[in-house]
Amino acid sequence: MSRILLNAFDMACVGHQSVGLWRHPDDQGHRYTDIGYWTDLARLLERGGFDALFLADVLGVYDVYGRSRDVAVREAVQVPVNDPIMAISAMAAVTEHLGFGVTASVTYEQPYALARRMTTLDHLTKGRIAWNVVTSYLESAARNLGRDQQIPHDERYDLAEEYLEVCYKLWEGSWEPGAVVRDAERGVYTDPAKVHDIEHKGRYFEVPGPFLCEPSPQRTPVIFQAGASSRGSRFAAAHAEAVFVNGPTPGVVRGFVERIREQAGEAGRDPSAIKVFAMLTPIAAETDAAAIAKRDSYLEHVSHEGALALFGGWTGVDLSGARPGQRLEYVETDATRTALAAFTTADPDREWTVEELARFVAIGGRGPVVVGSGATVADEMERWVDEAGVDGFNLAHVVTPGTFVDFVEHVVPELRCRGRAQDGYAAATLRENLRTAAGPQLAPDHPGARYRRAAP
């Protein structure tokens, strides 16, 4: 049996996917501003054999619910939130193998600057960086970053296509292999003939080049993507090496997985090389009874109103005036379309009411919550792998770092006994550990590889 890939899912904020749990006495989410919180977490995850710490991000506030940001601000619904990049160097300094997936938006970042930032991180981590490519979904972000409103949903992916083209040209094509010679006798650090302008002129960007950085161990960071709409899945199938999917049941998620793999094959890529991670929130303890008691204590602190504020930001749908028993229906918005689809059209056998939605989202967001002993949680993870066809999980926390501590203490040993979790790391770079390519750089069938210059 193949091992199950593991990412910890977190965010540089007080409360991430479990709304209101900052009030629980075991939660240390308020320490998100403390570098010691992040370095301790990184050490813990590496001890547990995690592949990466996957850091989410948003550039706006959740102000759809009640047409106000007040609930989000009061309940710490992903606000206050810091930049996810800043702590990575410190975490890399106290670990040797753990990867770091960082979210950055193509809608509000210039590719020339972001490409340099990612390469710098890849150098400083010795090849352990992934980029979660997002197009952003909050109107509040658009307004605060110079736009009257969001770019329409599908056009954001058109922009993202060109954005990645620019980055591939910078990462793969601007500097030849061997450009850095460090020849002290001749006084040549870099051979100018091996550094090239990219001369990009497109609809959205004009970047003459050359790239500012010498090539890092992976050149292009591992590409993560979470697009599961029709347009988003085509983008993910073309570019992603790892895909993050959300859904309440294995059946819902399996539909996303099958579509992405099919589209990857149509794009000329090896479908099995794309690693798919589903979100899951584990509540683990020594016994099932102890885990259930822990869950019950968490439920005493959830905020259903905060959960609906979170859902409103994801979907653009304001449920503040809805009746608790009102049935959810799908509507088209320019937010995250699959967040609503997962609770409406994707599962024909289930109808969700507003009250049921709030209870579900309050702990664990859009993904399932698994409660039990190490064996019980491991059983459920294996079921999802079998039934949904995923390769691994983005594991969200209820309380932090307690959820991750419990997982490492109770679930990881069980997974290791079953041959499902690693007890060491096979390679130095994240791309090699995830097995998305045979070496540290992009697989030959990846679209970014076509910009690669051959070694002399």
Protein backbone atom coordinates (compact mmCIF):
# COMPACT_ATOMS: atom_id res chain seq x y z
CA MET A 1 0.00 0.00 0.00
CA SER A 2 1.19 3.50 -0.79
CA ARG A 3 1.72 6.00 1.97
CA ILE A 4 -0.79 8.74 2.62
CA LEU A 5 0.56 12.24 1.98
CA LEU A 6 0.11 14.65 4.89
CA ASN A 7 -0.06 18.44 4.96
CA ALA A 8 -0.93 20.49 8.02
CA PHE A 9 -3.43 23.18 7.04
CA ASP A 10 -3.02 26.47 8.86
CA MET A 11 -3.13 30.22 8.39
CA ALA A 12 -1.37 33.20 9.96
CA CYS A 13 -4.46 34.16 11.92
CA VAL A 14 -6.34 33.46 15.16
CA GLY A 15 -9.06 31.19 13.79
CA HIS A 16 -8.80 29.30 10.54
CA GLN A 17 -11.43 26.64 9.76
CA SER A 18 -13.08 26.25 13.17
CA VAL A 19 -14.99 29.37 14.09
CA GLY A 20 -15.19 30.46 17.72
CA LEU A 21 -12.67 27.93 19.00
CA TRP A 22 -10.27 30.72 19.97
CA ARG A 23 -12.37 30.83 23.15
CA HIS A 24 -11.51 27.25 24.09
CA PRO A 25 -8.96 27.06 26.94
CA ASP A 26 -6.76 24.65 24.97
CA ASP A 27 -6.46 26.90 21.92
CA GLN A 28 -3.30 28.96 21.36
CA GLY A 29 -4.36 30.60 18.13
CA HIS A 30 -3.66 34.02 19.61
CA ARG A 31 0.06 33.10 19.40
CA TYR A 32 0.01 33.44 15.61
CA THR A 33 2.09 36.63 16.02
CA ASP A 34 4.79 34.75 17.96
CA ILE A 35 7.60 33.24 15.89
CA GLY A 36 8.01 30.58 18.57
CA TYR A 37 4.55 29.26 17.78
CA TRP A 38 5.56 28.64 14.17
CA THR A 39 8.97 27.11 14.87
CA ASP A 40 7.50 24.77 17.50
CA LEU A 41 4.79 23.74 15.04
CA ALA A 42 7.33 23.06 12.30
CA ARG A 43 9.38 20.82 14.58
CA LEU A 44 6.26 18.91 15.61
CA LEU A 45 5.16 18.33 12.02
CA GLU A 46 8.58 17.13 10.93
CA ARG A 47 8.66 14.71 13.84
CA GLY A 48 5.30 13.41 12.60
CA GLY A 49 6.58 12.90 9.05
CA PHE A 50 4.35 15.54 7.48
CA ASP A 51 5.16 16.43 3.91
CA ALA A 52 4.38 20.12 4.28
CA LEU A 53 2.77 22.91 6.22
CA PHE A 54 0.19 24.37 3.85
CA LEU A 55 -0.51 28.03 4.63
CA ALA A 56 -3.76 29.58 3.46
CA ASP A 57 -4.31 33.31 3.03
CA VAL A 58 -6.91 35.93 2.17
CA LEU A 59 -6.44 39.59 1.25
CA GLY A 60 -9.80 40.88 2.45
CA VAL A 61 -12.37 40.55 5.21
CA TYR A 62 -15.50 38.39 5.20
CA ASP A 63 -18.17 41.05 4.87
CA VAL A 64 -20.90 39.32 2.85
CA TYR A 65 -22.93 38.07 5.84
CA GLY A 66 -25.31 40.86 6.81
CA ARG A 67 -23.37 43.10 4.42
CA SER A 68 -21.03 43.85 7.28
CA ARG A 69 -17.59 42.82 8.53
CA ASP A 70 -18.69 43.03 12.16
CA VAL A 71 -19.34 39.30 12.71
CA ALA A 72 -16.04 38.34 11.09
CA VAL A 73 -14.10 40.87 13.15
CA ARG A 74 -15.87 40.00 16.41
CA GLU A 75 -15.51 36.23 15.95
CA ALA A 76 -11.97 36.30 14.48
CA VAL A 77 -13.15 34.75 11.20
CA GLN A 78 -9.74 34.73 9.47
CA VAL A 79 -9.10 38.25 10.72
CA PRO A 80 -6.76 39.57 12.05
CA VAL A 81 -4.46 37.84 9.55
CA ASN A 82 -0.75 38.23 8.83
CA ASP A 83 1.32 37.62 5.71
CA PRO A 84 1.91 33.84 5.45
CA ILE A 85 5.39 34.11 3.94
CA MET A 86 7.26 35.84 6.74
CA ALA A 87 7.62 32.92 9.18
CA ILE A 88 8.80 30.36 6.62
CA SER A 89 12.52 31.14 6.85
CA ALA A 90 12.45 30.73 10.63
CA MET A 91 10.59 27.41 10.34
CA ALA A 92 13.01 26.20 7.68
CA ALA A 93 15.94 27.01 9.96
CA VAL A 94 14.71 24.58 12.65
CA THR A 95 13.79 21.74 10.23
CA GLU A 96 15.56 19.80 7.48
CA HIS A 97 12.80 18.11 5.48
CA LEU A 98 9.38 19.68 6.09
CA GLY A 99 8.00 21.47 3.04
CA PHE A 100 6.12 24.76 3.04
CA GLY A 101 3.19 25.54 0.77
CA VAL A 102 2.39 29.24 0.69
CA THR A 103 -0.68 30.91 -0.79
CA ALA A 104 -0.21 33.97 -3.02
CA SER A 105 -2.73 35.58 -5.35
CA VAL A 106 -2.06 36.19 -9.02
CA THR A 107 -4.76 38.87 -9.09
CA TYR A 108 -2.94 41.26 -6.79
CA GLU A 109 0.78 40.38 -7.14
CA GLN A 110 3.09 41.25 -10.03
CA PRO A 111 4.71 38.08 -11.41
CA TYR A 112 8.22 39.55 -11.63
CA ALA A 113 8.25 40.36 -7.90
CA LEU A 114 6.47 37.21 -6.72
CA ALA A 115 8.74 34.95 -8.79
CA ARG A 116 11.76 36.43 -7.01
CA ARG A 117 10.14 35.94 -3.59
CA MET A 118 9.40 32.29 -4.30
CA THR A 119 12.89 31.62 -5.64
CA THR A 120 14.40 33.27 -2.57
CA LEU A 121 12.37 30.96 -0.33
CA ASP A 122 13.34 27.94 -2.40
CA HIS A 123 17.01 28.84 -1.97
CA LEU A 124 16.71 29.44 1.76
CA THR A 125 14.80 26.19 2.34
CA LYS A 126 17.04 24.16 -0.01
CA GLY A 127 14.14 23.26 -2.26
CA ARG A 128 11.17 22.87 0.09
CA ILE A 129 8.75 25.47 -1.28
CA ALA A 130 5.36 25.09 -2.94
CA TRP A 131 3.15 27.88 -4.26
CA ASN A 132 -0.60 27.59 -3.84
CA VAL A 133 -1.77 29.56 -6.87
CA VAL A 134 -5.02 31.38 -6.12
CA THR A 135 -7.03 34.00 -7.97
CA SER A 136 -8.77 35.41 -4.84
CA TYR A 137 -12.50 35.52 -4.21
CA LEU A 138 -13.36 38.40 -1.84
CA GLU A 139 -14.87 41.63 -3.13
CA SER A 140 -13.35 43.37 -0.12
CA ALA A 141 -9.88 42.42 -1.37
CA ALA A 142 -10.61 43.91 -4.80
CA ARG A 143 -11.83 47.18 -3.29
CA ASN A 144 -8.82 47.56 -1.02
CA LEU A 145 -6.33 46.70 -3.75
CA GLY A 146 -7.39 49.27 -6.28
CA ARG A 147 -10.36 47.78 -8.12
CA ASP A 148 -13.99 48.79 -8.12
CA GLN A 149 -14.97 45.13 -8.13
CA GLN A 150 -13.48 41.69 -8.70
CA ILE A 151 -12.31 40.56 -12.09
CA PRO A 152 -14.98 38.07 -13.27
CA HIS A 153 -14.39 34.47 -12.14
CA ASP A 154 -13.32 32.90 -15.45
CA GLU A 155 -11.26 35.90 -16.52
CA ARG A 156 -9.23 35.60 -13.32
CA TYR A 157 -8.09 32.20 -14.60
CA ASP A 158 -7.23 33.71 -18.01
CA LEU A 159 -4.99 36.14 -16.13
CA ALA A 160 -3.55 33.26 -14.10
CA GLU A 161 -2.62 31.37 -17.28
CA GLU A 162 -0.52 34.27 -18.51
CA TYR A 163 0.84 34.91 -15.03
CA LEU A 164 2.25 31.38 -14.86
CA GLU A 165 3.63 31.69 -18.38
CA VAL A 166 5.64 34.71 -17.20
CA CYS A 167 6.85 32.86 -14.11
CA TYR A 168 7.86 29.77 -16.10
CA LYS A 169 9.88 31.95 -18.47
CA LEU A 170 11.64 33.56 -15.52
CA TRP A 171 12.23 30.37 -13.53
CA GLU A 172 12.98 27.93 -16.34
CA GLY A 173 14.22 29.96 -19.28
CA SER A 174 16.02 33.10 -18.18
CA TRP A 175 19.11 31.52 -16.60
CA GLU A 176 20.78 28.58 -18.31
CA PRO A 177 22.22 25.69 -16.30
CA GLY A 178 25.79 26.61 -15.44
CA ALA A 179 25.26 30.36 -15.80
CA VAL A 180 26.87 30.93 -12.40
CA VAL A 181 30.57 30.06 -12.82
CA ARG A 182 32.25 31.86 -9.87
CA ASP A 183 35.52 32.15 -11.75
CA ALA A 184 37.71 34.32 -9.51
CA GLU A 185 40.70 34.21 -11.86
CA ARG A 186 38.72 35.67 -14.78
CA GLY A 187 36.61 37.90 -12.54
CA VAL A 188 33.36 36.31 -13.78
CA TYR A 189 30.68 35.38 -11.31
CA THR A 190 27.90 34.83 -13.87
CA ASP A 191 28.35 34.30 -17.63
CA PRO A 192 26.24 37.06 -19.26
CA ALA A 193 25.77 34.94 -22.39
CA LYS A 194 23.82 32.42 -20.31
CA VAL A 195 21.34 34.91 -18.83
CA HIS A 196 18.45 35.79 -21.14
CA ASP A 197 15.70 38.40 -21.32
CA ILE A 198 12.30 36.74 -21.43
CA GLU A 199 10.75 39.49 -23.60
CA HIS A 200 7.18 38.69 -22.58
CA LYS A 201 4.38 40.81 -24.06
CA GLY A 202 0.86 39.65 -23.37
CA ARG A 203 -2.67 40.79 -22.63
CA TYR A 204 -2.08 41.36 -18.92
CA PHE A 205 1.70 41.60 -18.44
CA GLU A 206 4.73 43.01 -20.19
CA VAL A 207 7.96 41.69 -18.70
CA PRO A 208 11.17 42.14 -20.70
CA GLY A 209 13.38 40.36 -18.14
CA PRO A 210 15.91 38.98 -17.29
CA PHE A 211 15.12 37.24 -14.00
CA LEU A 212 16.92 38.64 -10.96
CA CYS A 213 17.67 35.30 -9.26
CA GLU A 214 19.97 32.45 -10.07
CA PRO A 215 18.13 29.10 -10.28
CA SER A 216 17.07 27.55 -6.97
CA PRO A 217 17.06 23.78 -6.26
CA GLN A 218 13.55 23.28 -7.70
CA ARG A 219 13.66 26.27 -10.10
CA THR A 220 9.87 26.34 -10.22
CA PRO A 221 8.28 25.77 -6.79
CA VAL A 222 5.85 22.88 -6.52
CA ILE A 223 2.56 24.16 -7.94
CA PHE A 224 -0.51 23.69 -5.76
CA GLN A 225 -3.96 24.69 -6.93
CA ALA A 226 -7.48 24.42 -5.55
CA GLY A 227 -9.64 25.27 -8.54
CA ALA A 228 -12.56 22.86 -8.83
CA SER A 229 -15.03 24.91 -10.87
CA SER A 230 -15.22 24.07 -14.56
CA ARG A 231 -12.67 26.75 -15.45
CA GLY A 232 -10.64 26.16 -12.31
CA SER A 233 -10.30 22.42 -12.85
CA ARG A 234 -9.00 22.98 -16.41
CA PHE A 235 -6.39 25.35 -15.00
CA ALA A 236 -5.45 22.87 -12.26
CA ALA A 237 -5.22 19.98 -14.71
CA ALA A 238 -2.86 22.00 -16.90
CA HIS A 239 -0.55 23.40 -14.22
CA ALA A 240 -0.96 21.83 -10.78
CA GLU A 241 1.38 19.21 -9.40
CA ALA A 242 -0.80 18.94 -6.31
CA VAL A 243 -4.50 19.78 -6.04
CA PHE A 244 -6.38 20.71 -2.89
CA VAL A 245 -10.06 19.66 -2.93
CA ASN A 246 -12.88 20.19 -0.46
CA GLY A 247 -16.08 18.28 0.07
CA PRO A 248 -18.26 16.81 2.81
CA THR A 249 -18.26 13.20 1.49
CA PRO A 250 -15.93 10.91 -0.48
CA GLY A 251 -18.49 10.75 -3.27
CA VAL A 252 -18.51 14.52 -3.75
CA VAL A 253 -14.71 14.68 -3.73
CA ARG A 254 -14.31 11.72 -6.09
CA GLY A 255 -16.15 13.64 -8.81
CA PHE A 256 -13.62 16.47 -8.56
CA VAL A 257 -10.68 14.03 -8.54
CA GLU A 258 -11.83 12.10 -11.59
CA ARG A 259 -12.46 15.24 -13.59
CA ILE A 260 -9.03 16.72 -12.84
CA ARG A 261 -7.20 13.49 -13.66
CA GLU A 262 -9.15 13.08 -16.90
CA GLN A 263 -8.40 16.65 -17.94
CA ALA A 264 -4.72 16.22 -17.05
CA GLY A 265 -4.52 13.26 -19.42
CA GLU A 266 -6.20 15.28 -22.15
CA ALA A 267 -3.56 17.97 -21.60
CA GLY A 268 -0.78 15.45 -22.22
CA ARG A 269 0.23 15.01 -18.59
CA ASP A 270 0.56 11.88 -16.48
CA PRO A 271 -2.65 11.95 -14.38
CA SER A 272 -1.09 9.88 -11.59
CA ALA A 273 1.67 12.46 -11.09
CA ILE A 274 -0.88 14.99 -9.83
CA LYS A 275 -1.28 14.47 -6.09
CA VAL A 276 -4.73 15.25 -4.71
CA PHE A 277 -5.21 16.37 -1.10
CA ALA A 278 -8.63 16.47 0.56
CA MET A 279 -9.29 18.59 3.61
CA LEU A 280 -10.01 16.69 6.82
CA THR A 281 -10.22 17.75 10.45
CA PRO A 282 -9.12 15.03 12.90
CA ILE A 283 -10.12 14.98 16.56
CA ALA A 284 -7.98 12.21 17.99
CA ALA A 285 -7.39 10.81 21.46
CA GLU A 286 -6.30 7.59 23.15
CA THR A 287 -9.80 6.09 22.85
CA ASP A 288 -12.95 6.78 20.87
CA ALA A 289 -14.72 7.86 24.05
CA ALA A 290 -12.00 10.34 24.94
CA ALA A 291 -12.09 11.79 21.43
CA ILE A 292 -15.89 12.18 21.55
CA ALA A 293 -15.60 13.98 24.89
CA LYS A 294 -13.01 16.29 23.35
CA ARG A 295 -15.28 17.01 20.38
CA ASP A 296 -18.20 17.78 22.71
CA SER A 297 -16.08 20.31 24.57
CA TYR A 298 -15.21 21.95 21.26
CA LEU A 299 -18.86 22.17 20.24
CA GLU A 300 -19.57 24.27 23.33
CA HIS A 301 -17.42 27.05 21.85
CA VAL A 302 -18.41 27.14 18.17
CA SER A 303 -20.00 30.18 16.55
CA HIS A 304 -22.74 29.32 14.05
CA GLU A 305 -23.06 32.96 13.03
CA GLY A 306 -19.33 33.11 12.45
CA ALA A 307 -19.57 29.95 10.36
CA LEU A 308 -22.17 31.61 8.11
CA ALA A 309 -19.91 34.65 7.80
CA LEU A 310 -17.11 32.35 6.66
CA PHE A 311 -19.41 30.62 4.19
CA GLY A 312 -20.60 34.00 2.88
CA GLY A 313 -17.04 35.02 2.08
CA TRP A 314 -16.36 31.76 0.26
CA THR A 315 -19.52 31.85 -1.83
CA GLY A 316 -20.67 35.46 -2.05
CA VAL A 317 -24.05 34.34 -0.64
CA ASP A 318 -25.54 36.25 2.31
CA LEU A 319 -27.52 33.89 4.56
CA SER A 320 -28.10 36.42 7.33
CA GLY A 321 -31.83 36.64 6.59
CA ALA A 322 -32.41 32.97 5.89
CA ARG A 323 -34.56 30.75 8.07
CA PRO A 324 -32.69 27.92 9.86
CA GLY A 325 -34.70 25.28 7.97
CA GLN A 326 -34.34 26.96 4.56
CA ARG A 327 -32.84 24.70 1.89
CA LEU A 328 -29.62 25.80 0.16
CA GLU A 329 -29.76 26.42 -3.56
CA TYR A 330 -26.97 26.99 -6.05
CA VAL A 331 -26.48 30.47 -7.49
CA GLU A 332 -23.72 31.74 -9.77
CA THR A 333 -21.31 34.23 -8.15
CA ASP A 334 -17.77 35.45 -8.74
CA ALA A 335 -16.58 33.96 -5.46
CA THR A 336 -15.51 30.34 -4.84
CA ARG A 337 -18.17 28.52 -6.84
CA THR A 338 -17.38 25.01 -5.68
CA ALA A 339 -17.82 25.96 -2.02
CA LEU A 340 -21.54 26.33 -2.66
CA ALA A 341 -21.72 23.49 -5.17
CA ALA A 342 -20.32 21.06 -2.60
CA PHE A 343 -23.40 21.69 -0.46
CA THR A 344 -25.98 21.93 -3.25
CA THR A 345 -25.54 20.36 -6.68
CA ALA A 346 -22.52 18.07 -6.22
CA ASP A 347 -24.31 15.52 -4.05
CA PRO A 348 -27.78 14.72 -5.47
CA ASP A 349 -28.60 12.53 -2.46
CA ARG A 350 -28.31 15.29 0.15
CA GLU A 351 -30.18 18.54 0.75
CA TRP A 352 -28.65 20.99 3.20
CA THR A 353 -30.54 23.48 5.33
CA VAL A 354 -28.97 26.68 6.60
CA GLU A 355 -28.92 25.30 10.15
CA GLU A 356 -27.20 22.07 9.07
CA LEU A 357 -24.68 24.06 7.06
CA ALA A 358 -23.78 26.27 10.02
CA ARG A 359 -23.24 23.24 12.27
CA PHE A 360 -21.10 21.52 9.65
CA VAL A 361 -18.92 24.53 8.78
CA ALA A 362 -18.38 25.62 12.39
CA ILE A 363 -15.76 22.91 12.93
CA GLY A 364 -13.55 22.03 10.01
CA GLY A 365 -15.03 24.31 7.36
CA ARG A 366 -16.02 22.49 4.18
CA GLY A 367 -14.27 19.21 4.93
CA PRO A 368 -15.24 16.21 7.09
CA VAL A 369 -14.49 15.92 10.80
CA VAL A 370 -13.21 12.52 11.98
CA VAL A 371 -13.44 11.74 15.69
CA GLY A 372 -11.84 8.77 17.43
CA SER A 373 -8.77 6.87 18.49
CA GLY A 374 -5.71 6.65 16.29
CA ALA A 375 -7.06 3.47 14.74
CA THR A 376 -10.50 4.98 14.09
CA VAL A 377 -9.07 8.09 12.43
CA ALA A 378 -6.66 5.99 10.36
CA ASP A 379 -9.52 3.75 9.22
CA GLU A 380 -11.49 6.76 8.01
CA MET A 381 -8.48 8.24 6.22
CA GLU A 382 -7.95 4.95 4.41
CA ARG A 383 -11.64 4.88 3.46
CA TRP A 384 -11.36 8.32 1.90
CA VAL A 385 -8.25 7.29 -0.03
CA ASP A 386 -10.07 4.23 -1.36
CA GLU A 387 -13.45 5.83 -2.09
CA ALA A 388 -12.46 9.37 -3.12
CA GLY A 389 -9.23 8.46 -4.92
CA VAL A 390 -7.18 11.09 -3.07
CA ASP A 391 -3.46 10.76 -2.32
CA GLY A 392 -3.48 12.54 1.01
CA PHE A 393 -4.98 15.19 3.25
CA ASN A 394 -4.71 18.80 4.27
CA LEU A 395 -5.34 18.37 7.98
CA ALA A 396 -7.09 21.33 9.59
CA HIS A 397 -7.05 22.04 13.31
CA VAL A 398 -9.87 22.63 15.75
CA VAL A 399 -7.57 23.98 18.45
CA THR A 400 -3.95 24.79 17.76
CA PRO A 401 -1.48 23.29 18.17
CA GLY A 402 -3.44 20.65 20.11
CA THR A 403 -5.11 19.06 17.10
CA PHE A 404 -1.71 18.50 15.47
CA VAL A 405 -0.16 17.26 18.73
CA ASP A 406 -2.95 14.71 19.11
CA PHE A 407 -2.60 13.60 15.50
CA VAL A 408 1.15 13.06 15.81
CA GLU A 409 0.73 11.23 19.13
CA HIS A 410 -2.23 9.00 18.28
CA VAL A 411 -2.72 8.73 14.51
CA VAL A 412 0.78 8.85 13.02
CA PRO A 413 2.00 5.72 14.91
CA GLU A 414 -1.07 3.83 13.67
CA LEU A 415 -0.48 4.95 10.08
CA ARG A 416 3.18 3.97 10.33
CA CYS A 417 2.25 0.50 11.57
CA ARG A 418 0.07 0.12 8.48
CA GLY A 419 2.81 1.37 6.14
CA ARG A 420 0.74 4.48 5.40
CA ALA A 421 2.98 7.21 6.90
CA GLN A 422 6.66 7.88 6.45
CA ASP A 423 9.13 7.45 9.29
CA GLY A 424 11.77 9.41 7.40
CA TYR A 425 12.11 11.53 4.29
CA ALA A 426 13.20 10.04 0.98
CA ALA A 427 14.69 13.12 -0.64
CA ALA A 428 15.89 16.65 -0.02
CA THR A 429 13.29 18.58 -2.03
CA LEU A 430 9.54 18.80 -1.63
CA ARG A 431 8.87 17.86 -5.25
CA GLU A 432 10.80 14.60 -4.85
CA ASN A 433 9.12 13.78 -1.54
CA LEU A 434 5.69 14.27 -3.10
CA ARG A 435 6.75 12.18 -6.11
CA THR A 436 5.32 14.59 -8.67
CA ALA A 437 8.55 14.27 -10.69
CA ALA A 438 11.59 12.00 -10.80
CA GLY A 439 13.92 14.80 -9.74
CA PRO A 440 13.84 18.18 -8.00
CA GLN A 441 12.56 20.04 -11.06
CA LEU A 442 9.38 19.98 -13.13
CA ALA A 443 8.44 16.76 -14.91
CA PRO A 444 9.07 16.87 -18.69
CA ASP A 445 5.33 16.76 -19.47
CA HIS A 446 4.57 19.82 -17.32
CA PRO A 447 3.83 22.96 -19.39
CA GLY A 448 6.48 24.91 -17.53
CA ALA A 449 9.17 22.52 -18.76
CA ARG A 450 8.79 23.71 -22.36
CA TYR A 451 10.49 26.97 -21.37
CA ARG A 452 13.53 25.13 -20.02
CA ARG A 453 16.88 25.75 -21.67
CA ALA A 454 18.98 22.66 -22.21
CA ALA A 455 22.31 22.31 -20.45
CA PRO A 456 25.25 23.10 -22.76
